Amino acid sequence: MVDLLLGQVIRFCDIPMTDQAFGMEHLTQGAVVVKDGRIVAVGPAEDVKRAWPQARLHDYGDKLISAGFIDAHVHFPQTAIIASWGKRLIDWLNAYTFPEEMRLADPLYAKTIAETYMDLALANGTTSMCSFCTVHPASVDAFFTAAQRRGLRAMGGKTCMDRNAPEGLRDSAQSAYDDSKALLHKWHGVDRLSYVITPRFSPTSTPDQLRALGDLWAEHPDCLMQTHLSEQTDEIAWVRSLFPQARDYLDTYEAFGLLGENGLYGHAIHLEPREIDRLSELNAGIAHCPTSNTFIGSGLFDMAGMVGRTRVGLATDTGGGSSFSMLRTMAAAYEIGQLRGTPLHPAFLWWLATQGSARSLKIDDRVGNIAVGLEADLIVVDLASTPAIRQRMSRADSFTEALFATIMMGDDRAIASVWVNGEKHH
């Protein structure tokens, strides 16, 4: 069956960094045609309707048709502890994260959390995500099974830790390698799923474990590798004490084969000049997690300094992040930009949550935009979803001004419909 969606349409041909939103295309009366899970046509409504007279019509009026949001860095096992009061990162991990992650040793509990997370993500318009699982292989199975059942393009991997973590969450260098390899062979490339090699961060892995995971990555270079980098200043000091021979935090990965173009490094707030140069030289990926950075008090990411130098995506960082909503995450990214004196344009924020995140995950040839040939992961956004937003939008002088009201005040009520791989989800 061929489906034809009518409404406003937003898509991108470049990074819209300027105030004029260069790189963004907005169709006031647009149309998107979906067939066999892919986008086969996009353009002005009347032209597309004329070319596809037999298509099944879905008229969304003045609602906005967009690529689905893509969450570049999430911890699905932390779904149940989101918005837990905390102090600093290490305190928060010990008080909330590690006890909760131990519960996912139970496959039934892991399944429950995975199902809950997927439902919440989709309700907020997130159609792809890259997640840390727990040390337990069953948590990876639960995550991928839940994603597969919904037809999602999802990425994730077993979190590996062999020190500085509770006994119930530690593996070893050998078991991290063996488990990760077995899970990679089980899930990588199945349907729309991709396995990601996942050391949590340097402080919770011995050099032997980092080396083992670097070896695994070298054997499977098409896989992504995800970890954390330079989130908090006291974390960086801890890394320095654990790796006194390292030039800097990034060097603790580079020394063991865990730095490359297919690497995705979460946070990357407090970087040294050498680290910035290396990430830029390799065009490595960075996941910006603004609600997490403010919630845990980590610092202010330098978006303006990094986006032109390497691949940057946007992420909720659930549950260190305080929301499942990429709209709320865009708003937080804007607020952090303001605090750094670099305001981010509404079109750029939207790009960051769609094509930018897809680029950071190396999947922008498949999702993250509305273009012929891409997979049809789409959302329909109500730009007047609440009375507060509606009254502000009524005074907007431009499309991006109206869009900005939903970015700053919108939530799951703004997501009117979600399409996953060409199928209407709701």
Protein backbone atom coordinates (compact mmCIF):
# COMPACT_ATOMS: atom_id res chain seq x y z
CA MET A 1 0.00 0.00 0.00
CA VAL A 2 1.15 3.53 -0.77
CA ASP A 3 0.52 6.20 1.88
CA LEU A 4 0.46 9.94 1.23
CA LEU A 5 0.89 12.27 4.19
CA LEU A 6 -0.23 15.89 3.86
CA GLY A 7 0.84 18.74 6.12
CA GLN A 8 3.65 21.17 6.63
CA VAL A 9 7.01 19.51 5.95
CA ILE A 10 10.46 20.23 7.38
CA ARG A 11 13.65 18.75 5.94
CA PHE A 12 17.32 19.67 5.58
CA CYS A 13 19.92 19.97 2.85
CA ASP A 14 22.67 21.41 5.07
CA ILE A 15 23.39 22.35 8.69
CA PRO A 16 21.18 25.41 9.42
CA MET A 17 23.58 27.31 11.66
CA THR A 18 22.69 30.85 10.58
CA ASP A 19 19.81 33.00 11.76
CA GLN A 20 18.31 32.72 8.28
CA ALA A 21 17.99 28.93 8.72
CA PHE A 22 19.98 28.28 5.56
CA GLY A 23 19.91 24.53 4.95
CA MET A 24 16.31 24.03 6.11
CA GLU A 25 13.47 23.55 3.65
CA HIS A 26 9.94 24.22 4.87
CA LEU A 27 6.87 23.39 2.80
CA THR A 28 3.74 25.14 4.07
CA GLN A 29 1.57 22.72 2.12
CA GLY A 30 3.68 19.68 1.57
CA ALA A 31 3.34 15.96 1.03
CA VAL A 32 5.38 12.84 1.74
CA VAL A 33 4.73 9.52 -0.02
CA VAL A 34 5.66 6.27 1.73
CA LYS A 35 5.88 2.86 0.05
CA ASP A 36 7.40 -0.39 1.32
CA GLY A 37 8.90 1.34 4.34
CA ARG A 38 10.66 4.08 2.40
CA ILE A 39 10.06 7.65 1.33
CA VAL A 40 9.42 7.65 -2.41
CA ALA A 41 8.30 11.24 -2.99
CA VAL A 42 8.26 14.60 -1.22
CA GLY A 43 7.20 18.00 -2.48
CA PRO A 44 4.34 20.51 -2.78
CA ALA A 45 1.03 18.89 -1.88
CA GLU A 46 -0.82 19.50 -5.13
CA ASP A 47 2.04 18.21 -7.29
CA VAL A 48 2.50 15.06 -5.22
CA LYS A 49 -1.23 14.30 -5.01
CA ARG A 50 -1.48 14.60 -8.76
CA ALA A 51 1.41 12.17 -9.24
CA TRP A 52 0.05 9.63 -6.72
CA PRO A 53 -3.74 9.60 -7.21
CA GLN A 54 -4.20 6.06 -5.84
CA ALA A 55 -2.30 6.60 -2.59
CA ARG A 56 -4.07 6.30 0.75
CA LEU A 57 -4.45 9.84 2.06
CA HIS A 58 -3.53 11.01 5.59
CA ASP A 59 -4.38 14.71 5.84
CA TYR A 60 -2.72 16.27 8.89
CA GLY A 61 -3.83 19.79 8.07
CA ASP A 62 -1.35 22.38 9.31
CA LYS A 63 0.53 19.94 11.52
CA LEU A 64 4.23 19.46 10.82
CA ILE A 65 5.63 16.30 9.20
CA SER A 66 9.23 15.68 10.25
CA ALA A 67 11.76 12.91 10.42
CA GLY A 68 11.46 11.09 13.74
CA PHE A 69 13.70 12.18 16.56
CA ILE A 70 16.92 10.24 17.13
CA ASP A 71 18.34 9.90 20.65
CA ALA A 72 22.10 9.48 20.35
CA HIS A 73 22.87 8.45 23.95
CA VAL A 74 20.46 6.82 26.39
CA HIS A 75 20.53 4.37 29.30
CA PHE A 76 17.27 2.46 28.95
CA PRO A 77 17.92 0.51 32.21
CA GLN A 78 17.62 3.81 34.13
CA THR A 79 14.04 4.42 32.96
CA ALA A 80 12.52 3.76 36.40
CA ILE A 81 14.93 6.08 38.26
CA ILE A 82 14.72 9.11 35.99
CA ALA A 83 14.46 12.40 37.95
CA SER A 84 16.07 11.00 41.10
CA TRP A 85 17.51 13.69 43.36
CA GLY A 86 21.28 13.56 43.38
CA LYS A 87 24.55 15.34 43.99
CA ARG A 88 27.51 14.66 41.71
CA LEU A 89 27.90 11.99 39.04
CA ILE A 90 29.67 9.38 41.19
CA ASP A 91 27.19 9.85 44.07
CA TRP A 92 24.28 9.51 41.65
CA LEU A 93 25.71 6.33 40.13
CA ASN A 94 26.20 4.73 43.53
CA ALA A 95 22.87 5.84 45.01
CA TYR A 96 20.55 5.15 42.10
CA THR A 97 22.08 3.81 38.91
CA PHE A 98 24.05 0.80 40.08
CA PRO A 99 21.32 -0.56 42.42
CA GLU A 100 18.74 -0.25 39.65
CA GLU A 101 20.95 -1.77 36.99
CA MET A 102 21.52 -4.80 39.22
CA ARG A 103 17.79 -5.48 39.06
CA LEU A 104 18.07 -6.10 35.31
CA ALA A 105 19.85 -9.37 36.04
CA ASP A 106 16.26 -10.66 36.12
CA PRO A 107 15.26 -11.15 32.46
CA LEU A 108 11.59 -10.49 33.24
CA TYR A 109 12.40 -7.18 34.90
CA ALA A 110 14.71 -6.26 32.03
CA LYS A 111 11.88 -6.97 29.60
CA THR A 112 9.46 -4.80 31.60
CA ILE A 113 11.87 -1.86 31.65
CA ALA A 114 12.70 -2.23 27.95
CA GLU A 115 9.02 -2.28 26.99
CA THR A 116 8.29 0.74 29.19
CA TYR A 117 11.21 2.68 27.76
CA MET A 118 10.24 1.96 24.15
CA ASP A 119 6.65 3.07 24.74
CA LEU A 120 7.80 6.31 26.37
CA ALA A 121 10.33 7.01 23.64
CA LEU A 122 7.78 6.50 20.86
CA ALA A 123 5.18 8.60 22.69
CA ASN A 124 7.71 11.43 22.61
CA GLY A 125 8.44 11.00 18.90
CA THR A 126 11.78 9.17 19.23
CA THR A 127 12.03 6.58 16.47
CA SER A 128 15.70 5.60 16.83
CA MET A 129 18.04 5.46 19.80
CA CYS A 130 21.48 4.29 20.86
CA SER A 131 21.40 2.78 24.34
CA PHE A 132 23.73 1.47 26.98
CA CYS A 133 22.28 -1.73 28.41
CA THR A 134 23.59 -3.32 31.63
CA VAL A 135 26.38 -5.81 32.20
CA HIS A 136 23.80 -8.60 31.85
CA PRO A 137 23.41 -10.10 28.36
CA ALA A 138 19.69 -10.53 29.09
CA SER A 139 19.29 -6.75 29.20
CA VAL A 140 20.66 -6.52 25.65
CA ASP A 141 18.25 -9.23 24.51
CA ALA A 142 15.37 -7.36 26.18
CA PHE A 143 16.31 -4.07 24.53
CA PHE A 144 16.68 -5.47 21.02
CA THR A 145 13.60 -7.68 21.31
CA ALA A 146 11.45 -4.70 22.32
CA ALA A 147 12.88 -2.60 19.49
CA GLN A 148 12.50 -5.40 16.95
CA ARG A 149 8.86 -5.93 17.89
CA ARG A 150 8.17 -2.27 17.09
CA GLY A 151 10.23 -2.27 13.89
CA LEU A 152 12.64 0.35 15.20
CA ARG A 153 16.11 1.21 13.99
CA ALA A 154 17.86 0.77 17.33
CA MET A 155 21.43 0.50 18.52
CA GLY A 156 22.81 -0.73 21.82
CA GLY A 157 25.25 -2.92 23.66
CA LYS A 158 26.21 -4.64 26.89
CA THR A 159 27.81 -2.19 29.32
CA CYS A 160 31.21 -3.53 30.37
CA MET A 161 32.71 -2.84 33.83
CA ASP A 162 35.31 -4.85 35.72
CA ARG A 163 36.22 -2.45 38.54
CA ASN A 164 34.86 0.42 40.66
CA ALA A 165 31.34 -1.00 40.49
CA PRO A 166 29.28 -3.33 42.71
CA GLU A 167 30.02 -7.04 42.44
CA GLY A 168 26.67 -7.68 40.78
CA LEU A 169 27.58 -5.35 37.91
CA ARG A 170 31.16 -6.40 37.25
CA ASP A 171 32.34 -8.74 34.54
CA SER A 172 35.96 -9.37 33.50
CA ALA A 173 38.14 -8.52 30.54
CA GLN A 174 37.51 -11.96 29.06
CA SER A 175 33.78 -12.16 29.75
CA ALA A 176 33.28 -8.62 28.45
CA TYR A 177 34.92 -9.67 25.20
CA ASP A 178 33.11 -13.02 25.01
CA ASP A 179 29.66 -11.70 25.93
CA SER A 180 29.94 -8.68 23.63
CA LYS A 181 31.11 -10.83 20.73
CA ALA A 182 28.28 -13.33 21.20
CA LEU A 183 25.68 -10.56 21.41
CA LEU A 184 27.18 -8.83 18.38
CA HIS A 185 26.88 -12.01 16.34
CA LYS A 186 23.34 -12.52 17.61
CA TRP A 187 21.94 -9.05 16.93
CA HIS A 188 24.14 -6.91 14.69
CA GLY A 189 22.49 -6.34 11.32
CA VAL A 190 19.31 -8.23 12.23
CA ASP A 191 16.31 -6.30 10.87
CA ARG A 192 17.01 -2.66 11.82
CA LEU A 193 19.26 -3.42 14.79
CA SER A 194 22.95 -2.64 15.31
CA TYR A 195 25.26 -3.77 18.07
CA VAL A 196 27.46 -1.16 19.75
CA ILE A 197 30.60 -2.08 21.72
CA THR A 198 30.10 -0.44 25.11
CA PRO A 199 32.70 0.16 27.82
CA ARG A 200 30.91 2.35 30.37
CA PHE A 201 33.86 4.68 30.90
CA SER A 202 37.53 4.41 31.72
CA PRO A 203 37.18 4.44 35.54
CA THR A 204 35.07 1.26 35.53
CA SER A 205 37.29 -0.72 33.18
CA THR A 206 40.79 -2.02 33.80
CA PRO A 207 43.39 -1.55 31.08
CA ASP A 208 42.98 -5.25 30.28
CA GLN A 209 39.25 -4.82 29.67
CA LEU A 210 39.70 -1.69 27.58
CA ARG A 211 42.31 -3.55 25.52
CA ALA A 212 39.99 -6.54 25.04
CA LEU A 213 37.16 -4.30 23.83
CA GLY A 214 39.58 -2.44 21.56
CA ASP A 215 40.55 -5.79 20.07
CA LEU A 216 36.88 -6.66 19.53
CA TRP A 217 36.30 -3.33 17.80
CA ALA A 218 39.29 -3.93 15.55
CA GLU A 219 37.73 -7.26 14.56
CA HIS A 220 34.37 -5.57 13.83
CA PRO A 221 35.23 -2.03 12.69
CA ASP A 222 31.81 -1.53 11.10
CA CYS A 223 30.27 -1.48 14.59
CA LEU A 224 30.01 1.67 16.63
CA MET A 225 31.74 1.96 19.99
CA GLN A 226 30.10 4.13 22.66
CA THR A 227 31.38 5.40 26.00
CA HIS A 228 31.57 8.53 28.18
CA LEU A 229 34.15 11.30 28.06
CA SER A 230 34.95 14.31 30.25
CA GLU A 231 31.53 14.74 31.82
CA GLN A 232 32.61 16.25 35.16
CA THR A 233 35.79 17.79 36.49
CA ASP A 234 36.06 15.44 39.47
CA GLU A 235 35.54 12.49 37.11
CA ILE A 236 38.47 13.73 35.03
CA ALA A 237 40.63 13.96 38.15
CA TRP A 238 39.64 10.38 39.00
CA VAL A 239 40.64 9.22 35.52
CA ARG A 240 43.98 10.98 35.91
CA SER A 241 44.63 9.11 39.16
CA LEU A 242 43.71 5.75 37.60
CA PHE A 243 45.72 6.31 34.39
CA PRO A 244 48.72 8.42 35.45
CA GLN A 245 50.55 7.62 32.22
CA ALA A 246 47.75 8.97 29.99
CA ARG A 247 48.11 12.37 28.32
CA ASP A 248 44.45 13.13 29.01
CA TYR A 249 41.06 11.41 29.35
CA LEU A 250 40.73 10.68 25.64
CA ASP A 251 44.13 9.01 25.69
CA THR A 252 42.75 6.34 28.04
CA TYR A 253 40.64 5.19 25.09
CA GLU A 254 43.14 5.88 22.34
CA ALA A 255 45.85 3.81 24.04
CA PHE A 256 43.65 0.71 23.89
CA GLY A 257 42.20 1.04 20.39
CA LEU A 258 38.95 2.72 21.46
CA LEU A 259 39.25 5.94 19.49
CA GLY A 260 38.02 6.18 15.93
CA GLU A 261 35.53 7.60 13.47
CA ASN A 262 32.95 5.04 14.56
CA GLY A 263 33.36 6.06 18.18
CA LEU A 264 30.59 7.96 19.97
CA TYR A 265 31.64 9.84 23.08
CA GLY A 266 28.96 11.02 25.49
CA HIS A 267 29.12 14.52 27.03
CA ALA A 268 32.65 15.71 26.07
CA ILE A 269 32.25 18.92 28.05
CA HIS A 270 35.66 19.60 29.62
CA LEU A 271 38.00 18.80 26.74
CA GLU A 272 41.67 19.66 26.41
CA PRO A 273 42.87 21.20 23.12
CA ARG A 274 44.62 17.95 22.16
CA GLU A 275 41.40 16.01 22.70
CA ILE A 276 39.42 18.40 20.52
CA ASP A 277 42.04 18.15 17.80
CA ARG A 278 42.02 14.32 17.86
CA LEU A 279 38.23 14.06 17.81
CA SER A 280 38.13 16.52 14.92
CA GLU A 281 40.93 14.79 13.03
CA LEU A 282 39.10 11.46 13.21
CA ASN A 283 35.61 12.98 12.74
CA ALA A 284 34.46 11.04 15.78
CA GLY A 285 30.92 11.37 17.15
CA ILE A 286 29.87 13.33 20.24
CA ALA A 287 26.53 13.03 22.02
CA HIS A 288 25.40 16.28 23.64
CA CYS A 289 23.21 15.56 26.68
CA PRO A 290 21.99 18.96 27.90
CA THR A 291 19.28 17.98 30.41
CA SER A 292 21.72 15.56 32.02
CA ASN A 293 24.50 18.15 32.09
CA THR A 294 22.32 20.61 33.96
CA PHE A 295 20.55 18.03 36.14
CA ILE A 296 23.78 16.52 37.47
CA GLY A 297 25.64 19.84 37.35
CA SER A 298 28.28 18.73 34.88
CA GLY A 299 28.91 21.88 32.86
CA LEU A 300 28.13 23.65 29.60
CA PHE A 301 28.95 21.90 26.32
CA ASP A 302 30.59 24.07 23.66
CA MET A 303 28.21 23.44 20.76
CA ALA A 304 29.45 26.33 18.64
CA GLY A 305 33.05 25.19 19.04
CA MET A 306 32.42 21.52 18.28
CA VAL A 307 29.68 21.23 15.65
CA GLY A 308 31.88 22.55 12.88
CA ARG A 309 34.77 20.28 13.81
CA THR A 310 33.19 16.85 14.29
CA ARG A 311 29.85 14.99 14.28
CA VAL A 312 27.53 16.10 17.10
CA GLY A 313 24.19 14.55 18.00
CA LEU A 314 21.59 15.30 20.65
CA ALA A 315 20.64 12.94 23.46
CA THR A 316 18.35 12.66 26.47
CA ASP A 317 20.83 10.55 28.49
CA THR A 318 17.89 8.93 30.29
CA GLY A 319 17.97 8.60 33.30
CA GLY A 320 20.83 11.05 34.09
CA GLY A 321 18.84 13.26 31.77
CA SER A 322 15.59 14.46 33.25
CA SER A 323 13.21 13.88 30.32
CA PHE A 324 12.33 11.31 27.65
CA SER A 325 11.39 14.20 25.34
CA MET A 326 13.72 15.37 22.61
CA LEU A 327 11.72 18.61 22.56
CA ARG A 328 12.70 19.26 26.16
CA THR A 329 16.26 18.24 25.25
CA MET A 330 16.32 20.80 22.40
CA ALA A 331 15.10 23.45 24.85
CA ALA A 332 17.91 22.59 27.26
CA ALA A 333 20.47 22.75 24.44
CA TYR A 334 19.19 26.23 23.62
CA GLU A 335 19.46 27.30 27.27
CA ILE A 336 23.04 26.02 27.51
CA GLY A 337 23.87 27.86 24.29
CA GLN A 338 22.50 31.05 25.82
CA LEU A 339 24.65 30.61 28.92
CA ARG A 340 27.69 30.26 26.64
CA GLY A 341 26.70 33.32 24.63
CA THR A 342 25.96 31.29 21.48
CA PRO A 343 22.22 31.19 20.80
CA LEU A 344 21.14 28.19 18.71
CA HIS A 345 18.59 28.78 15.95
CA PRO A 346 15.33 26.76 16.10
CA ALA A 347 16.10 25.14 12.74
CA PHE A 348 19.51 24.05 14.01
CA LEU A 349 17.99 22.56 17.16
CA TRP A 350 15.55 20.53 15.05
CA TRP A 351 18.37 19.44 12.75
CA LEU A 352 20.40 18.39 15.78
CA ALA A 353 17.61 16.11 17.06
CA THR A 354 17.11 14.48 13.66
CA GLN A 355 19.83 14.58 11.01
CA GLY A 356 22.55 15.66 13.43
CA SER A 357 21.94 12.69 15.70
CA ALA A 358 21.71 10.39 12.68
CA ARG A 359 25.10 11.66 11.50
CA SER A 360 26.64 11.11 14.92
CA LEU A 361 25.45 7.47 14.76
CA LYS A 362 26.52 7.01 11.12
CA ILE A 363 22.93 6.22 10.06
CA ASP A 364 22.12 9.44 8.19
CA ASP A 365 22.08 7.48 4.93
CA ARG A 366 19.02 5.65 6.27
CA VAL A 367 17.12 7.91 8.70
CA GLY A 368 17.05 11.41 10.16
CA ASN A 369 15.64 13.41 7.27
CA ILE A 370 12.81 13.49 4.75
CA ALA A 371 14.34 12.57 1.40
CA VAL A 372 13.60 10.07 -1.34
CA GLY A 373 15.14 6.69 -0.55
CA LEU A 374 15.39 7.11 3.21
CA GLU A 375 13.51 4.83 5.60
CA ALA A 376 10.12 6.25 6.53
CA ASP A 377 10.53 7.04 10.21
CA LEU A 378 8.29 10.09 10.54
CA ILE A 379 6.51 12.09 13.19
CA VAL A 380 3.61 14.49 12.91
CA VAL A 381 3.94 17.44 15.28
CA ASP A 382 1.08 19.61 16.49
CA LEU A 383 2.49 23.13 16.70
CA ALA A 384 -0.47 24.23 18.82
CA SER A 385 -0.64 21.31 21.22
CA THR A 386 -1.45 23.24 24.40
CA PRO A 387 -3.24 26.53 25.14
CA ALA A 388 0.05 28.16 26.13
CA ILE A 389 1.76 27.15 22.90
CA ARG A 390 -1.30 27.94 20.81
CA GLN A 391 -1.53 31.53 22.04
CA ARG A 392 2.19 32.06 21.42
CA MET A 393 2.07 30.50 17.96
CA SER A 394 -0.82 32.77 16.97
CA ARG A 395 1.58 35.71 17.28
CA ALA A 396 4.49 34.09 15.46
CA ASP A 397 5.79 36.05 12.47
CA SER A 398 7.58 33.10 10.87
CA PHE A 399 7.62 29.32 10.76
CA THR A 400 10.76 29.06 12.88
CA GLU A 401 9.27 31.37 15.49
CA ALA A 402 6.25 29.06 15.70
CA LEU A 403 8.54 26.03 15.80
CA PHE A 404 10.52 27.55 18.64
CA ALA A 405 7.42 27.81 20.85
CA THR A 406 6.96 24.03 20.59
CA ILE A 407 10.67 23.43 21.19
CA MET A 408 10.60 25.45 24.38
CA MET A 409 7.19 24.44 25.75
CA GLY A 410 6.26 21.20 23.98
CA ASP A 411 6.07 17.66 25.34
CA ASP A 412 4.53 14.35 24.31
CA ARG A 413 1.20 16.10 23.67
CA ALA A 414 2.80 17.70 20.61
CA ILE A 415 3.39 14.29 18.97
CA ALA A 416 0.20 13.74 16.98
CA SER A 417 1.34 10.65 15.07
CA VAL A 418 4.39 8.40 14.70
CA TRP A 419 5.35 6.34 11.65
CA VAL A 420 8.00 3.63 12.02
CA ASN A 421 9.51 2.11 8.89
CA GLY A 422 6.50 3.17 6.87
CA GLU A 423 3.91 1.83 9.31
CA LYS A 424 1.67 4.10 11.32
CA HIS A 425 2.40 3.40 14.97
CA HIS A 426 -0.18 5.79 16.42
